[in-house]
Amino acid sequence: MEKITHKNLKVNGINMHVAEIGDGPATVLFLHGFPELWYSWRHQMLDLSARGYRSIAPDLRGYGDTDAPPSSESYTVFHIIGDLVALLNELRVEQVFLVGHDWGAIVAWWFCLLRPDMIKALVNTSVVFQPRHPTVKPIQGYRAVLGDGFYMCRFQEPGKAEAAFASVETTTVFKKFLSTRDPNPPCVPPEVGLDALFRQSPPTLPPWLTEEDIEYYASKFRKSGFTGGLNYYRAMDLSWELTAAWTGSQIKVPVRFIVGDLDLTYNFPSAREYIHEGGLKKHVPLLEKVIVMEGVAHFLNQEKPHEVSQHIYEFINKF
């Protein structure tokens, strides 16, 4: 880990923290999810750099040591991808292999839609491509299928989710999030406080997580808070409004998709049918393979780090 270097760069009007290792001719850009940091990709960065790739993982806008603009309107897909384009320009990188997870996967899909010229190939994990619905906003759609208690709906009101996260020690938040193996979509009834997410005793850490890992995450979020990450959810409907011109667009770069069978995203209503019965392939015509990792939950890049690294390497080594 000590071989990974860190720098702060001015990109797109914000200061962005970037972790980097390796100096190979091909670059892999890793995008983390919620509530995470560059650190979620630590294993893959080391594995891929050892195989001759330059590995880069930023703290995305709103996270860790990267600036967190206060307004949720500053977290549309255009802002986030604008940051990443500016980052690559600053690093003098013209094209990358892109790897995403969770919110980083959503950003990665949109990066491929908006700037396919910059992406050699994509390995995305956990969150499938969801084509823009022409008439239904995302939060409205989630409410219709999963109810008002669905966590993305509950995250919309500023301050409420922040209070829930602040109701327990920050290490408890990360033990709860990173250790979860519940494949059901998280729902908290509207009449119940969101702190219900953390009322149970934190689980025993799985063997792939250490107290040091938990403390690294917690130390950064104690300083930054959770508002930056929550603002991604609060900007979803605004992004929908701004992306009307991309309705019906396909992902036109080569893609490999990886998901755990215990991942809550794989157990959303109709998700498995969409992935395996042609829906995903329709929108991602260059989809090379879908890999379902048995007995693996949401944070697959940390739970099965070297297997995920191998899946990434096998795919990007073809290009």
C-alpha atoms as a PDB file:
ATOM      1  CA  MET A   1       0.000   0.000   0.000  1.00  0.00           C
ATOM      2  CA  GLU A   2       2.871   2.322   0.703  1.00  0.00           C
ATOM      3  CA  LYS A   3       3.757   2.184  -3.001  1.00  0.00           C
ATOM      4  CA  ILE A   4       0.524   3.979  -3.894  1.00  0.00           C
ATOM      5  CA  THR A   5       1.181   7.691  -4.336  1.00  0.00           C
ATOM      6  CA  HIS A   6      -1.248  10.515  -3.635  1.00  0.00           C
ATOM      7  CA  LYS A   7      -1.710  13.956  -5.138  1.00  0.00           C
ATOM      8  CA  ASN A   8      -4.252  16.737  -5.232  1.00  0.00           C
ATOM      9  CA  LEU A   9      -5.101  18.280  -8.591  1.00  0.00           C
ATOM     10  CA  LYS A  10      -7.222  21.242  -9.636  1.00  0.00           C
ATOM     11  CA  VAL A  11      -9.867  19.896 -12.019  1.00  0.00           C
ATOM     12  CA  ASN A  12     -13.132  21.396 -13.235  1.00  0.00           C
ATOM     13  CA  GLY A  13     -13.105  24.055 -10.525  1.00  0.00           C
ATOM     14  CA  ILE A  14     -12.516  21.710  -7.572  1.00  0.00           C
ATOM     15  CA  ASN A  15      -9.537  20.136  -5.854  1.00  0.00           C
ATOM     16  CA  MET A  16      -9.481  16.376  -6.431  1.00  0.00           C
ATOM     17  CA  HIS A  17      -7.495  13.805  -4.479  1.00  0.00           C
ATOM     18  CA  VAL A  18      -6.068  11.038  -6.653  1.00  0.00           C
ATOM     19  CA  ALA A  19      -4.328   7.788  -5.730  1.00  0.00           C
ATOM     20  CA  GLU A  20      -1.998   6.271  -8.318  1.00  0.00           C
ATOM     21  CA  ILE A  21       0.436   3.423  -8.841  1.00  0.00           C
ATOM     22  CA  GLY A  22       2.212   1.992 -11.878  1.00  0.00           C
ATOM     23  CA  ASP A  23       3.685   3.492 -15.002  1.00  0.00           C
ATOM     24  CA  GLY A  24       2.622   1.158 -17.786  1.00  0.00           C
ATOM     25  CA  PRO A  25       1.516   2.441 -21.191  1.00  0.00           C
ATOM     26  CA  ALA A  26      -2.166   1.586 -20.537  1.00  0.00           C
ATOM     27  CA  THR A  27      -4.176   3.275 -17.794  1.00  0.00           C
ATOM     28  CA  VAL A  28      -7.005   1.869 -15.677  1.00  0.00           C
ATOM     29  CA  LEU A  29      -9.327   4.401 -14.051  1.00  0.00           C
ATOM     30  CA  PHE A  30     -11.254   3.096 -11.013  1.00  0.00           C
ATOM     31  CA  LEU A  31     -14.466   4.763  -9.808  1.00  0.00           C
ATOM     32  CA  HIS A  32     -15.787   4.065  -6.298  1.00  0.00           C
ATOM     33  CA  GLY A  33     -19.329   4.082  -4.937  1.00  0.00           C
ATOM     34  CA  PHE A  34     -21.271   5.137  -1.826  1.00  0.00           C
ATOM     35  CA  PRO A  35     -20.188   5.469   0.915  1.00  0.00           C
ATOM     36  CA  GLU A  36     -16.647   4.800  -0.214  1.00  0.00           C
ATOM     37  CA  LEU A  37     -13.315   6.238  -1.331  1.00  0.00           C
ATOM     38  CA  TRP A  38     -10.454   5.479  -3.710  1.00  0.00           C
ATOM     39  CA  TYR A  39      -9.449   2.998  -0.986  1.00  0.00           C
ATOM     40  CA  SER A  40     -12.123   0.530  -2.116  1.00  0.00           C
ATOM     41  CA  TRP A  41      -9.936  -0.237  -5.141  1.00  0.00           C
ATOM     42  CA  ARG A  42      -6.660  -0.671  -3.209  1.00  0.00           C
ATOM     43  CA  HIS A  43      -6.339  -4.374  -4.038  1.00  0.00           C
ATOM     44  CA  GLN A  44      -7.097  -3.998  -7.744  1.00  0.00           C
ATOM     45  CA  MET A  45      -4.698  -1.053  -8.041  1.00  0.00           C
ATOM     46  CA  LEU A  46      -1.857  -3.158  -6.701  1.00  0.00           C
ATOM     47  CA  ASP A  47      -2.815  -6.213  -8.759  1.00  0.00           C
ATOM     48  CA  LEU A  48      -3.158  -4.356 -12.062  1.00  0.00           C
ATOM     49  CA  SER A  49      -0.046  -2.223 -11.561  1.00  0.00           C
ATOM     50  CA  ALA A  50       1.913  -5.431 -10.932  1.00  0.00           C
ATOM     51  CA  ARG A  51       0.757  -6.569 -14.368  1.00  0.00           C
ATOM     52  CA  GLY A  52       2.017  -3.479 -16.106  1.00  0.00           C
ATOM     53  CA  TYR A  53      -0.922  -1.072 -15.916  1.00  0.00           C
ATOM     54  CA  ARG A  54      -1.037   2.457 -14.587  1.00  0.00           C
ATOM     55  CA  SER A  55      -3.791   2.429 -11.944  1.00  0.00           C
ATOM     56  CA  ILE A  56      -5.600   5.635 -10.992  1.00  0.00           C
ATOM     57  CA  ALA A  57      -8.400   6.000  -8.423  1.00  0.00           C
ATOM     58  CA  PRO A  58      -9.749   9.394  -7.367  1.00  0.00           C
ATOM     59  CA  ASP A  59     -11.923  10.325  -4.452  1.00  0.00           C
ATOM     60  CA  LEU A  60     -14.920  11.441  -6.474  1.00  0.00           C
ATOM     61  CA  ARG A  61     -16.496  14.868  -6.002  1.00  0.00           C
ATOM     62  CA  GLY A  62     -17.985  15.063  -2.512  1.00  0.00           C
ATOM     63  CA  TYR A  63     -15.824  12.323  -1.002  1.00  0.00           C
ATOM     64  CA  GLY A  64     -12.716  12.032   1.140  1.00  0.00           C
ATOM     65  CA  ASP A  65      -9.982  14.534   0.363  1.00  0.00           C
ATOM     66  CA  THR A  66     -11.739  15.876  -2.754  1.00  0.00           C
ATOM     67  CA  ASP A  67     -13.814  19.055  -2.492  1.00  0.00           C
ATOM     68  CA  ALA A  68     -17.521  18.731  -1.718  1.00  0.00           C
ATOM     69  CA  PRO A  69     -19.578  21.587  -3.184  1.00  0.00           C
ATOM     70  CA  PRO A  70     -22.539  22.218  -0.847  1.00  0.00           C
ATOM     71  CA  SER A  71     -25.391  22.264  -3.371  1.00  0.00           C
ATOM     72  CA  SER A  72     -26.882  18.994  -4.620  1.00  0.00           C
ATOM     73  CA  GLU A  73     -27.249  20.681  -8.002  1.00  0.00           C
ATOM     74  CA  SER A  74     -23.452  20.403  -8.344  1.00  0.00           C
ATOM     75  CA  TYR A  75     -23.610  16.585  -8.486  1.00  0.00           C
ATOM     76  CA  THR A  76     -25.198  15.836 -11.861  1.00  0.00           C
ATOM     77  CA  VAL A  77     -23.594  13.293 -14.163  1.00  0.00           C
ATOM     78  CA  PHE A  78     -22.221  16.217 -16.166  1.00  0.00           C
ATOM     79  CA  HIS A  79     -20.371  17.584 -13.133  1.00  0.00           C
ATOM     80  CA  ILE A  80     -18.917  14.197 -12.178  1.00  0.00           C
ATOM     81  CA  ILE A  81     -17.853  13.248 -15.693  1.00  0.00           C
ATOM     82  CA  GLY A  82     -16.555  16.763 -16.244  1.00  0.00           C
ATOM     83  CA  ASP A  83     -14.286  16.203 -13.238  1.00  0.00           C
ATOM     84  CA  LEU A  84     -13.003  12.945 -14.699  1.00  0.00           C
ATOM     85  CA  VAL A  85     -12.361  14.342 -18.174  1.00  0.00           C
ATOM     86  CA  ALA A  86     -10.454  17.239 -16.609  1.00  0.00           C
ATOM     87  CA  LEU A  87      -8.516  14.790 -14.425  1.00  0.00           C
ATOM     88  CA  LEU A  88      -7.426  12.713 -17.409  1.00  0.00           C
ATOM     89  CA  ASN A  89      -6.475  15.844 -19.326  1.00  0.00           C
ATOM     90  CA  GLU A  90      -4.416  17.016 -16.362  1.00  0.00           C
ATOM     91  CA  LEU A  91      -2.672  13.623 -16.235  1.00  0.00           C
ATOM     92  CA  ARG A  92      -2.198  13.671 -20.035  1.00  0.00           C
ATOM     93  CA  VAL A  93      -4.127  10.441 -20.475  1.00  0.00           C
ATOM     94  CA  GLU A  94      -6.105  10.212 -23.709  1.00  0.00           C
ATOM     95  CA  GLN A  95      -7.861   6.857 -23.188  1.00  0.00           C
ATOM     96  CA  VAL A  96      -8.466   4.531 -20.252  1.00  0.00           C
ATOM     97  CA  PHE A  97      -9.813   1.171 -19.319  1.00  0.00           C
ATOM     98  CA  LEU A  98     -12.680   2.124 -17.023  1.00  0.00           C
ATOM     99  CA  VAL A  99     -13.761   0.160 -13.936  1.00  0.00           C
ATOM    100  CA  GLY A 100     -16.727   1.146 -11.768  1.00  0.00           C
ATOM    101  CA  HIS A 101     -18.688  -0.050  -8.754  1.00  0.00           C
ATOM    102  CA  ASP A 102     -21.990   1.107  -7.242  1.00  0.00           C
ATOM    103  CA  TRP A 103     -22.326   4.864  -7.918  1.00  0.00           C
ATOM    104  CA  GLY A 104     -19.009   4.624  -9.716  1.00  0.00           C
ATOM    105  CA  ALA A 105     -20.692   2.129 -12.053  1.00  0.00           C
ATOM    106  CA  ILE A 106     -23.502   4.592 -12.791  1.00  0.00           C
ATOM    107  CA  VAL A 107     -20.927   7.278 -13.527  1.00  0.00           C
ATOM    108  CA  ALA A 108     -18.987   4.826 -15.699  1.00  0.00           C
ATOM    109  CA  TRP A 109     -22.041   4.029 -17.829  1.00  0.00           C
ATOM    110  CA  TRP A 110     -22.625   7.728 -18.391  1.00  0.00           C
ATOM    111  CA  PHE A 111     -18.942   8.346 -19.089  1.00  0.00           C
ATOM    112  CA  CYS A 112     -19.227   5.791 -21.897  1.00  0.00           C
ATOM    113  CA  LEU A 113     -22.360   7.500 -23.242  1.00  0.00           C
ATOM    114  CA  LEU A 114     -20.943  11.023 -23.117  1.00  0.00           C
ATOM    115  CA  ARG A 115     -17.276  10.429 -24.025  1.00  0.00           C
ATOM    116  CA  PRO A 116     -16.864   6.995 -25.623  1.00  0.00           C
ATOM    117  CA  ASP A 117     -13.750   8.301 -27.387  1.00  0.00           C
ATOM    118  CA  MET A 118     -11.940   8.263 -24.022  1.00  0.00           C
ATOM    119  CA  ILE A 119     -12.860   4.678 -23.054  1.00  0.00           C
ATOM    120  CA  LYS A 120     -11.042   1.637 -24.486  1.00  0.00           C
ATOM    121  CA  ALA A 121     -13.274  -0.807 -22.625  1.00  0.00           C
ATOM    122  CA  LEU A 122     -15.379  -0.942 -19.476  1.00  0.00           C
ATOM    123  CA  VAL A 123     -15.500  -3.443 -16.631  1.00  0.00           C
ATOM    124  CA  ASN A 124     -18.526  -2.502 -14.566  1.00  0.00           C
ATOM    125  CA  THR A 125     -19.679  -4.093 -11.352  1.00  0.00           C
ATOM    126  CA  SER A 126     -22.844  -4.286  -9.272  1.00  0.00           C
ATOM    127  CA  VAL A 127     -25.075  -1.719 -11.022  1.00  0.00           C
ATOM    128  CA  VAL A 128     -26.390  -2.515 -14.497  1.00  0.00           C
ATOM    129  CA  PHE A 129     -26.984   0.072 -17.185  1.00  0.00           C
ATOM    130  CA  GLN A 130     -30.419   1.592 -16.737  1.00  0.00           C
ATOM    131  CA  PRO A 131     -31.598   3.360 -19.885  1.00  0.00           C
ATOM    132  CA  ARG A 132     -33.170   6.742 -19.348  1.00  0.00           C
ATOM    133  CA  HIS A 133     -36.942   6.481 -19.097  1.00  0.00           C
ATOM    134  CA  PRO A 134     -38.482   9.095 -21.402  1.00  0.00           C
ATOM    135  CA  THR A 135     -41.260  10.155 -19.006  1.00  0.00           C
ATOM    136  CA  VAL A 136     -40.574   8.865 -15.482  1.00  0.00           C
ATOM    137  CA  LYS A 137     -37.990  10.494 -13.223  1.00  0.00           C
ATOM    138  CA  PRO A 138     -35.714   8.047 -11.348  1.00  0.00           C
ATOM    139  CA  ILE A 139     -36.986   8.714  -7.824  1.00  0.00           C
ATOM    140  CA  GLN A 140     -40.593   8.547  -9.017  1.00  0.00           C
ATOM    141  CA  GLY A 141     -39.808   5.204 -10.631  1.00  0.00           C
ATOM    142  CA  TYR A 142     -38.210   3.794  -7.478  1.00  0.00           C
ATOM    143  CA  ARG A 143     -41.162   4.964  -5.379  1.00  0.00           C
ATOM    144  CA  ALA A 144     -43.581   3.212  -7.720  1.00  0.00           C
ATOM    145  CA  VAL A 145     -41.728  -0.119  -7.522  1.00  0.00           C
ATOM    146  CA  LEU A 146     -40.213  -0.162  -4.023  1.00  0.00           C
ATOM    147  CA  GLY A 147     -42.276   2.380  -2.069  1.00  0.00           C
ATOM    148  CA  ASP A 148     -41.580   5.583  -0.168  1.00  0.00           C
ATOM    149  CA  GLY A 149     -39.387   3.707   2.295  1.00  0.00           C
ATOM    150  CA  PHE A 150     -36.765   2.737  -0.303  1.00  0.00           C
ATOM    151  CA  TYR A 151     -33.461   4.190   0.828  1.00  0.00           C
ATOM    152  CA  MET A 152     -32.895   6.329  -2.285  1.00  0.00           C
ATOM    153  CA  CYS A 153     -36.267   7.984  -1.654  1.00  0.00           C
ATOM    154  CA  ARG A 154     -35.478   8.487   2.029  1.00  0.00           C
ATOM    155  CA  PHE A 155     -32.138  10.086   1.138  1.00  0.00           C
ATOM    156  CA  GLN A 156     -33.816  12.939  -0.767  1.00  0.00           C
ATOM    157  CA  GLU A 157     -34.583  15.302   2.112  1.00  0.00           C
ATOM    158  CA  PRO A 158     -31.446  17.255   3.134  1.00  0.00           C
ATOM    159  CA  GLY A 159     -30.407  16.683   6.712  1.00  0.00           C
ATOM    160  CA  LYS A 160     -32.487  13.611   7.534  1.00  0.00           C
ATOM    161  CA  ALA A 161     -30.024  11.014   6.281  1.00  0.00           C
ATOM    162  CA  GLU A 162     -27.116  13.029   7.655  1.00  0.00           C
ATOM    163  CA  ALA A 163     -28.705  12.925  11.117  1.00  0.00           C
ATOM    164  CA  ALA A 164     -29.114   9.167  10.878  1.00  0.00           C
ATOM    165  CA  PHE A 165     -25.469   8.680   9.926  1.00  0.00           C
ATOM    166  CA  ALA A 166     -24.438  10.961  12.788  1.00  0.00           C
ATOM    167  CA  SER A 167     -26.535   9.025  15.315  1.00  0.00           C
ATOM    168  CA  VAL A 168     -23.856   6.355  15.723  1.00  0.00           C
ATOM    169  CA  GLU A 169     -20.082   6.219  15.698  1.00  0.00           C
ATOM    170  CA  THR A 170     -18.780   6.496  12.135  1.00  0.00           C
ATOM    171  CA  THR A 171     -17.003   3.158  12.407  1.00  0.00           C
ATOM    172  CA  THR A 172     -20.405   1.555  13.072  1.00  0.00           C
ATOM    173  CA  VAL A 173     -21.738   3.010   9.816  1.00  0.00           C
ATOM    174  CA  PHE A 174     -18.970   1.347   7.841  1.00  0.00           C
ATOM    175  CA  LYS A 175     -19.128  -1.950   9.672  1.00  0.00           C
ATOM    176  CA  LYS A 176     -22.841  -2.059   8.903  1.00  0.00           C
ATOM    177  CA  PHE A 177     -22.566  -1.005   5.254  1.00  0.00           C
ATOM    178  CA  LEU A 178     -19.522  -2.964   4.191  1.00  0.00           C
ATOM    179  CA  SER A 179     -20.452  -6.167   6.028  1.00  0.00           C
ATOM    180  CA  THR A 180     -24.080  -6.406   4.891  1.00  0.00           C
ATOM    181  CA  ARG A 181     -25.134  -9.584   3.136  1.00  0.00           C
ATOM    182  CA  ASP A 182     -28.851  -8.859   3.007  1.00  0.00           C
ATOM    183  CA  PRO A 183     -29.864  -9.136  -0.653  1.00  0.00           C
ATOM    184  CA  ASN A 184     -33.133  -7.275  -0.115  1.00  0.00           C
ATOM    185  CA  PRO A 185     -33.392  -3.640  -1.242  1.00  0.00           C
ATOM    186  CA  PRO A 186     -32.972  -1.468   1.905  1.00  0.00           C
ATOM    187  CA  CYS A 187     -36.298   0.019   2.922  1.00  0.00           C
ATOM    188  CA  VAL A 188     -37.200   1.958   6.069  1.00  0.00           C
ATOM    189  CA  PRO A 189     -40.894   2.877   6.407  1.00  0.00           C
ATOM    190  CA  PRO A 190     -41.446   6.666   6.237  1.00  0.00           C
ATOM    191  CA  GLU A 191     -42.837   6.723   9.798  1.00  0.00           C
ATOM    192  CA  VAL A 192     -39.584   5.176  11.099  1.00  0.00           C
ATOM    193  CA  GLY A 193     -36.374   7.160  11.495  1.00  0.00           C
ATOM    194  CA  LEU A 194     -33.506   6.325   9.141  1.00  0.00           C
ATOM    195  CA  ASP A 195     -31.353   5.635  12.177  1.00  0.00           C
ATOM    196  CA  ALA A 196     -33.130   2.260  12.186  1.00  0.00           C
ATOM    197  CA  LEU A 197     -30.461   1.254   9.673  1.00  0.00           C
ATOM    198  CA  PHE A 198     -27.930   1.276  12.506  1.00  0.00           C
ATOM    199  CA  ARG A 199     -29.919   0.237  15.598  1.00  0.00           C
ATOM    200  CA  GLN A 200     -28.763  -3.363  15.562  1.00  0.00           C
ATOM    201  CA  SER A 201     -25.319  -4.153  16.898  1.00  0.00           C
ATOM    202  CA  PRO A 202     -22.693  -3.899  14.166  1.00  0.00           C
ATOM    203  CA  PRO A 203     -21.832  -7.289  12.684  1.00  0.00           C
ATOM    204  CA  THR A 204     -18.577  -9.089  13.240  1.00  0.00           C
ATOM    205  CA  LEU A 205     -16.154  -8.038  10.544  1.00  0.00           C
ATOM    206  CA  PRO A 206     -15.729 -10.543   7.724  1.00  0.00           C
ATOM    207  CA  PRO A 207     -12.202 -11.861   7.118  1.00  0.00           C
ATOM    208  CA  TRP A 208     -11.707  -9.556   4.130  1.00  0.00           C
ATOM    209  CA  LEU A 209     -12.137  -6.409   6.244  1.00  0.00           C
ATOM    210  CA  THR A 210      -9.862  -5.233   9.044  1.00  0.00           C
ATOM    211  CA  GLU A 211     -10.359  -2.712  11.816  1.00  0.00           C
ATOM    212  CA  GLU A 212      -7.714  -0.634  10.041  1.00  0.00           C
ATOM    213  CA  ASP A 213      -9.809  -0.621   6.861  1.00  0.00           C
ATOM    214  CA  ILE A 214     -12.877   0.521   8.805  1.00  0.00           C
ATOM    215  CA  GLU A 215     -10.908   3.238  10.551  1.00  0.00           C
ATOM    216  CA  TYR A 216      -9.515   4.541   7.253  1.00  0.00           C
ATOM    217  CA  TYR A 217     -13.017   5.071   5.891  1.00  0.00           C
ATOM    218  CA  ALA A 218     -14.294   6.471   9.172  1.00  0.00           C
ATOM    219  CA  SER A 219     -11.410   8.917   9.548  1.00  0.00           C
ATOM    220  CA  LYS A 220     -12.186  10.490   6.179  1.00  0.00           C
ATOM    221  CA  PHE A 221     -15.967  10.658   6.679  1.00  0.00           C
ATOM    222  CA  ARG A 222     -15.596  12.145  10.170  1.00  0.00           C
ATOM    223  CA  LYS A 223     -13.968  15.105   8.437  1.00  0.00           C
ATOM    224  CA  SER A 224     -16.125  15.328   5.315  1.00  0.00           C
ATOM    225  CA  GLY A 225     -19.490  14.073   6.527  1.00  0.00           C
ATOM    226  CA  PHE A 226     -21.857  12.182   4.217  1.00  0.00           C
ATOM    227  CA  THR A 227     -23.617  15.064   2.440  1.00  0.00           C
ATOM    228  CA  GLY A 228     -21.371  14.929  -0.634  1.00  0.00           C
ATOM    229  CA  GLY A 229     -22.182  11.282  -1.278  1.00  0.00           C
ATOM    230  CA  LEU A 230     -25.873  11.769  -0.498  1.00  0.00           C
ATOM    231  CA  ASN A 231     -26.022  14.604  -3.016  1.00  0.00           C
ATOM    232  CA  TYR A 232     -25.506  12.079  -5.838  1.00  0.00           C
ATOM    233  CA  TYR A 233     -28.935  10.652  -4.957  1.00  0.00           C
ATOM    234  CA  ARG A 234     -30.438  14.131  -4.625  1.00  0.00           C
ATOM    235  CA  ALA A 235     -29.210  15.087  -8.104  1.00  0.00           C
ATOM    236  CA  MET A 236     -30.641  12.020  -9.847  1.00  0.00           C
ATOM    237  CA  ASP A 237     -33.814  13.733 -11.035  1.00  0.00           C
ATOM    238  CA  LEU A 238     -31.872  16.803 -12.191  1.00  0.00           C
ATOM    239  CA  SER A 239     -29.519  14.573 -14.183  1.00  0.00           C
ATOM    240  CA  TRP A 240     -32.587  12.936 -15.712  1.00  0.00           C
ATOM    241  CA  GLU A 241     -33.895  16.350 -16.789  1.00  0.00           C
ATOM    242  CA  LEU A 242     -30.567  17.337 -18.335  1.00  0.00           C
ATOM    243  CA  THR A 243     -29.962  14.095 -20.234  1.00  0.00           C
ATOM    244  CA  ALA A 244     -33.096  13.988 -22.388  1.00  0.00           C
ATOM    245  CA  ALA A 245     -30.946  14.156 -25.525  1.00  0.00           C
ATOM    246  CA  TRP A 246     -29.445  10.743 -24.669  1.00  0.00           C
ATOM    247  CA  THR A 247     -32.781   8.919 -24.413  1.00  0.00           C
ATOM    248  CA  GLY A 248     -32.420   5.656 -26.313  1.00  0.00           C
ATOM    249  CA  SER A 249     -28.625   5.859 -26.596  1.00  0.00           C
ATOM    250  CA  GLN A 250     -26.629   2.651 -26.387  1.00  0.00           C
ATOM    251  CA  ILE A 251     -23.306   1.947 -24.691  1.00  0.00           C
ATOM    252  CA  LYS A 252     -20.955   1.539 -27.661  1.00  0.00           C
ATOM    253  CA  VAL A 253     -17.747   0.391 -25.937  1.00  0.00           C
ATOM    254  CA  PRO A 254     -16.741  -3.220 -25.101  1.00  0.00           C
ATOM    255  CA  VAL A 255     -18.104  -4.203 -21.671  1.00  0.00           C
ATOM    256  CA  ARG A 256     -17.735  -6.956 -19.108  1.00  0.00           C
ATOM    257  CA  PHE A 257     -20.213  -6.896 -16.202  1.00  0.00           C
ATOM    258  CA  ILE A 258     -19.638  -8.514 -12.794  1.00  0.00           C
ATOM    259  CA  VAL A 259     -22.138  -8.893  -9.949  1.00  0.00           C
ATOM    260  CA  GLY A 260     -22.515 -11.002  -6.800  1.00  0.00           C
ATOM    261  CA  ASP A 261     -25.615 -13.127  -6.450  1.00  0.00           C
ATOM    262  CA  LEU A 262     -26.164 -11.702  -2.947  1.00  0.00           C
ATOM    263  CA  ASP A 263     -25.875  -8.122  -4.199  1.00  0.00           C
ATOM    264  CA  LEU A 264     -29.020  -6.138  -3.484  1.00  0.00           C
ATOM    265  CA  THR A 265     -28.834  -4.753  -7.044  1.00  0.00           C
ATOM    266  CA  TYR A 266     -29.031  -8.284  -8.462  1.00  0.00           C
ATOM    267  CA  ASN A 267     -32.137  -8.894  -6.376  1.00  0.00           C
ATOM    268  CA  PHE A 268     -34.082  -5.802  -7.388  1.00  0.00           C
ATOM    269  CA  PRO A 269     -37.441  -6.646  -9.007  1.00  0.00           C
ATOM    270  CA  SER A 270     -36.862  -7.922 -12.576  1.00  0.00           C
ATOM    271  CA  ALA A 271     -33.088  -7.332 -12.399  1.00  0.00           C
ATOM    272  CA  ARG A 272     -32.057 -10.925 -13.126  1.00  0.00           C
ATOM    273  CA  GLU A 273     -34.419 -11.178 -16.078  1.00  0.00           C
ATOM    274  CA  TYR A 274     -33.110  -7.896 -17.488  1.00  0.00           C
ATOM    275  CA  ILE A 275     -29.488  -9.032 -17.139  1.00  0.00           C
ATOM    276  CA  HIS A 276     -29.868 -12.583 -18.469  1.00  0.00           C
ATOM    277  CA  GLU A 277     -32.748 -12.432 -20.939  1.00  0.00           C
ATOM    278  CA  GLY A 278     -31.473  -9.878 -23.410  1.00  0.00           C
ATOM    279  CA  GLY A 279     -32.469  -6.560 -21.873  1.00  0.00           C
ATOM    280  CA  LEU A 280     -28.953  -5.507 -20.911  1.00  0.00           C
ATOM    281  CA  LYS A 281     -27.487  -6.747 -24.193  1.00  0.00           C
ATOM    282  CA  LYS A 282     -30.022  -4.649 -26.120  1.00  0.00           C
ATOM    283  CA  HIS A 283     -28.686  -1.463 -24.548  1.00  0.00           C
ATOM    284  CA  VAL A 284     -25.065  -2.636 -24.287  1.00  0.00           C
ATOM    285  CA  PRO A 285     -24.528  -4.392 -27.641  1.00  0.00           C
ATOM    286  CA  LEU A 286     -20.792  -4.941 -27.076  1.00  0.00           C
ATOM    287  CA  LEU A 287     -21.413  -6.764 -23.786  1.00  0.00           C
ATOM    288  CA  GLU A 288     -18.805  -9.541 -23.820  1.00  0.00           C
ATOM    289  CA  LYS A 289     -19.803 -11.471 -20.714  1.00  0.00           C
ATOM    290  CA  VAL A 290     -21.812 -11.290 -17.503  1.00  0.00           C
ATOM    291  CA  ILE A 291     -20.083 -12.878 -14.512  1.00  0.00           C
ATOM    292  CA  VAL A 292     -22.215 -13.748 -11.479  1.00  0.00           C
ATOM    293  CA  MET A 293     -20.057 -14.476  -8.438  1.00  0.00           C
ATOM    294  CA  GLU A 294     -21.769 -17.025  -6.202  1.00  0.00           C
ATOM    295  CA  GLY A 295     -22.093 -16.269  -2.502  1.00  0.00           C
ATOM    296  CA  VAL A 296     -20.725 -12.742  -2.987  1.00  0.00           C
ATOM    297  CA  ALA A 297     -22.469  -9.581  -1.802  1.00  0.00           C
ATOM    298  CA  HIS A 298     -22.405  -5.936  -2.867  1.00  0.00           C
ATOM    299  CA  PHE A 299     -18.814  -4.928  -2.094  1.00  0.00           C
ATOM    300  CA  LEU A 300     -17.362  -7.632  -4.326  1.00  0.00           C
ATOM    301  CA  ASN A 301     -14.145  -5.748  -5.128  1.00  0.00           C
ATOM    302  CA  GLN A 302     -13.213  -5.968  -1.454  1.00  0.00           C
ATOM    303  CA  GLU A 303     -14.820  -9.312  -0.615  1.00  0.00           C
ATOM    304  CA  LYS A 304     -13.149 -11.163  -3.495  1.00  0.00           C
ATOM    305  CA  PRO A 305     -10.396  -8.735  -4.456  1.00  0.00           C
ATOM    306  CA  HIS A 306      -8.063 -10.957  -6.447  1.00  0.00           C
ATOM    307  CA  GLU A 307     -10.840 -12.766  -8.295  1.00  0.00           C
ATOM    308  CA  VAL A 308     -12.211  -9.401  -9.362  1.00  0.00           C
ATOM    309  CA  SER A 309      -8.721  -8.277 -10.384  1.00  0.00           C
ATOM    310  CA  GLN A 310      -8.369 -11.414 -12.500  1.00  0.00           C
ATOM    311  CA  HIS A 311     -11.708 -10.813 -14.220  1.00  0.00           C
ATOM    312  CA  ILE A 312     -10.639  -7.253 -15.006  1.00  0.00           C
ATOM    313  CA  TYR A 313      -7.241  -8.323 -16.299  1.00  0.00           C
ATOM    314  CA  GLU A 314      -8.609 -11.125 -18.462  1.00  0.00           C
ATOM    315  CA  PHE A 315     -10.880  -8.677 -20.223  1.00  0.00           C
ATOM    316  CA  ILE A 316      -8.677  -5.609 -20.676  1.00  0.00           C
ATOM    317  CA  ASN A 317      -5.712  -7.788 -21.717  1.00  0.00           C
ATOM    318  CA  LYS A 318      -7.633  -8.563 -24.925  1.00  0.00           C
ATOM    319  CA  PHE A 319      -7.190  -4.999 -26.191  1.00  0.00           C
END
